[in-house]
Amino acid sequence: MDSVENSFGHLTAPWVQRTNAHNLLNILTIAMGAILCGAEGPTRLETVGNATIECLRTMMPVPNGISSHDVVH
């Protein structure tokens, strides 16, 4: 997680602050892992994230669960 933060920590979320329920670095980390597992598209990213959420929680806080495919879209 540290290397993801070092590489992408300077980025800011493109959405409105009041709807910022998910951490951008978490979304990027989950997306990269899902893509490495063969996921294609936002719906598959959400599917892989939900299937691996317990494992993800051992590596990073996921207080609001996996973001929906609409957030990534």
C-alpha atoms as a PDB file:
ATOM      1  CA  MET A   1       0.000   0.000   0.000  1.00  0.00           C
ATOM      2  CA  ASP A   2       2.915   2.371   0.677  1.00  0.00           C
ATOM      3  CA  SER A   3       4.163   2.183  -2.904  1.00  0.00           C
ATOM      4  CA  VAL A   4       0.665   2.940  -4.204  1.00  0.00           C
ATOM      5  CA  GLU A   5       0.533   5.968  -1.931  1.00  0.00           C
ATOM      6  CA  ASN A   6       4.000   7.073  -3.050  1.00  0.00           C
ATOM      7  CA  SER A   7       3.014   6.780  -6.702  1.00  0.00           C
ATOM      8  CA  PHE A   8      -0.540   8.101  -6.605  1.00  0.00           C
ATOM      9  CA  GLY A   9      -0.865   9.993  -3.312  1.00  0.00           C
ATOM     10  CA  HIS A  10      -0.700  13.354  -5.068  1.00  0.00           C
ATOM     11  CA  LEU A  11      -3.907  12.661  -7.025  1.00  0.00           C
ATOM     12  CA  THR A  12      -7.198  14.118  -5.845  1.00  0.00           C
ATOM     13  CA  ALA A  13     -10.577  12.490  -6.231  1.00  0.00           C
ATOM     14  CA  PRO A  14     -12.501  13.939  -9.186  1.00  0.00           C
ATOM     15  CA  TRP A  15     -15.878  13.786  -7.470  1.00  0.00           C
ATOM     16  CA  VAL A  16     -17.699  16.220  -5.194  1.00  0.00           C
ATOM     17  CA  GLN A  17     -16.432  16.153  -1.582  1.00  0.00           C
ATOM     18  CA  ARG A  18     -19.884  15.424  -0.100  1.00  0.00           C
ATOM     19  CA  THR A  19     -20.082  12.183  -2.095  1.00  0.00           C
ATOM     20  CA  ASN A  20     -16.538  11.126  -1.215  1.00  0.00           C
ATOM     21  CA  ALA A  21     -17.410   7.871   0.613  1.00  0.00           C
ATOM     22  CA  HIS A  22     -14.468   5.941  -0.839  1.00  0.00           C
ATOM     23  CA  ASN A  23     -10.765   6.651  -0.646  1.00  0.00           C
ATOM     24  CA  LEU A  24      -9.202   7.217  -4.082  1.00  0.00           C
ATOM     25  CA  LEU A  25      -6.061   5.245  -3.195  1.00  0.00           C
ATOM     26  CA  ASN A  26      -8.211   2.303  -2.124  1.00  0.00           C
ATOM     27  CA  ILE A  27     -10.127   2.442  -5.403  1.00  0.00           C
ATOM     28  CA  LEU A  28      -6.877   2.521  -7.384  1.00  0.00           C
ATOM     29  CA  THR A  29      -5.385  -0.352  -5.372  1.00  0.00           C
ATOM     30  CA  ILE A  30      -8.493  -2.503  -5.795  1.00  0.00           C
ATOM     31  CA  ALA A  31      -8.663  -1.638  -9.503  1.00  0.00           C
ATOM     32  CA  MET A  32      -5.022  -2.589 -10.091  1.00  0.00           C
ATOM     33  CA  GLY A  33      -5.483  -5.889  -8.266  1.00  0.00           C
ATOM     34  CA  ALA A  34      -8.674  -6.668 -10.161  1.00  0.00           C
ATOM     35  CA  ILE A  35      -7.033  -5.879 -13.502  1.00  0.00           C
ATOM     36  CA  LEU A  36      -4.125  -8.168 -12.636  1.00  0.00           C
ATOM     37  CA  CYS A  37      -6.740 -10.870 -11.984  1.00  0.00           C
ATOM     38  CA  GLY A  38      -8.178 -10.355 -15.462  1.00  0.00           C
ATOM     39  CA  ALA A  39     -11.084  -8.028 -14.699  1.00  0.00           C
ATOM     40  CA  GLU A  40     -12.247  -5.884 -17.596  1.00  0.00           C
ATOM     41  CA  GLY A  41     -14.498  -2.916 -16.981  1.00  0.00           C
ATOM     42  CA  PRO A  42     -16.035  -1.245 -13.935  1.00  0.00           C
ATOM     43  CA  THR A  43     -18.591  -3.963 -13.199  1.00  0.00           C
ATOM     44  CA  ARG A  44     -15.874  -6.617 -13.006  1.00  0.00           C
ATOM     45  CA  LEU A  45     -13.765  -4.365 -10.752  1.00  0.00           C
ATOM     46  CA  GLU A  46     -16.701  -4.166  -8.356  1.00  0.00           C
ATOM     47  CA  THR A  47     -17.239  -7.942  -8.559  1.00  0.00           C
ATOM     48  CA  VAL A  48     -13.599  -8.767  -7.808  1.00  0.00           C
ATOM     49  CA  GLY A  49     -13.522  -6.201  -5.004  1.00  0.00           C
ATOM     50  CA  ASN A  50     -16.593  -7.688  -3.347  1.00  0.00           C
ATOM     51  CA  ALA A  51     -15.243 -11.224  -3.745  1.00  0.00           C
ATOM     52  CA  THR A  52     -11.948 -10.300  -2.069  1.00  0.00           C
ATOM     53  CA  ILE A  53     -13.123  -7.746   0.494  1.00  0.00           C
ATOM     54  CA  GLU A  54     -12.109  -9.805   3.550  1.00  0.00           C
ATOM     55  CA  CYS A  55      -8.574 -10.179   2.201  1.00  0.00           C
ATOM     56  CA  LEU A  56      -8.452  -6.471   1.322  1.00  0.00           C
ATOM     57  CA  ARG A  57      -9.476  -5.544   4.873  1.00  0.00           C
ATOM     58  CA  THR A  58      -6.321  -7.219   6.179  1.00  0.00           C
ATOM     59  CA  MET A  59      -4.216  -4.803   4.094  1.00  0.00           C
ATOM     60  CA  MET A  60      -6.148  -1.524   4.218  1.00  0.00           C
ATOM     61  CA  PRO A  61      -9.201   0.051   5.788  1.00  0.00           C
ATOM     62  CA  VAL A  62     -12.355  -0.402   3.714  1.00  0.00           C
ATOM     63  CA  PRO A  63     -14.896   1.317   5.995  1.00  0.00           C
ATOM     64  CA  ASN A  64     -17.581   1.838   3.349  1.00  0.00           C
ATOM     65  CA  GLY A  65     -17.112  -1.408   1.469  1.00  0.00           C
ATOM     66  CA  ILE A  66     -16.256  -1.647  -2.217  1.00  0.00           C
ATOM     67  CA  SER A  67     -17.267   1.284  -4.372  1.00  0.00           C
ATOM     68  CA  SER A  68     -19.931   0.585  -6.952  1.00  0.00           C
ATOM     69  CA  HIS A  69     -19.126   0.304 -10.622  1.00  0.00           C
ATOM     70  CA  ASP A  70     -20.751   3.737 -11.068  1.00  0.00           C
ATOM     71  CA  VAL A  71     -17.983   5.372  -9.032  1.00  0.00           C
ATOM     72  CA  VAL A  72     -15.318   3.846 -11.271  1.00  0.00           C
ATOM     73  CA  HIS A  73     -17.258   4.418 -14.447  1.00  0.00           C
END
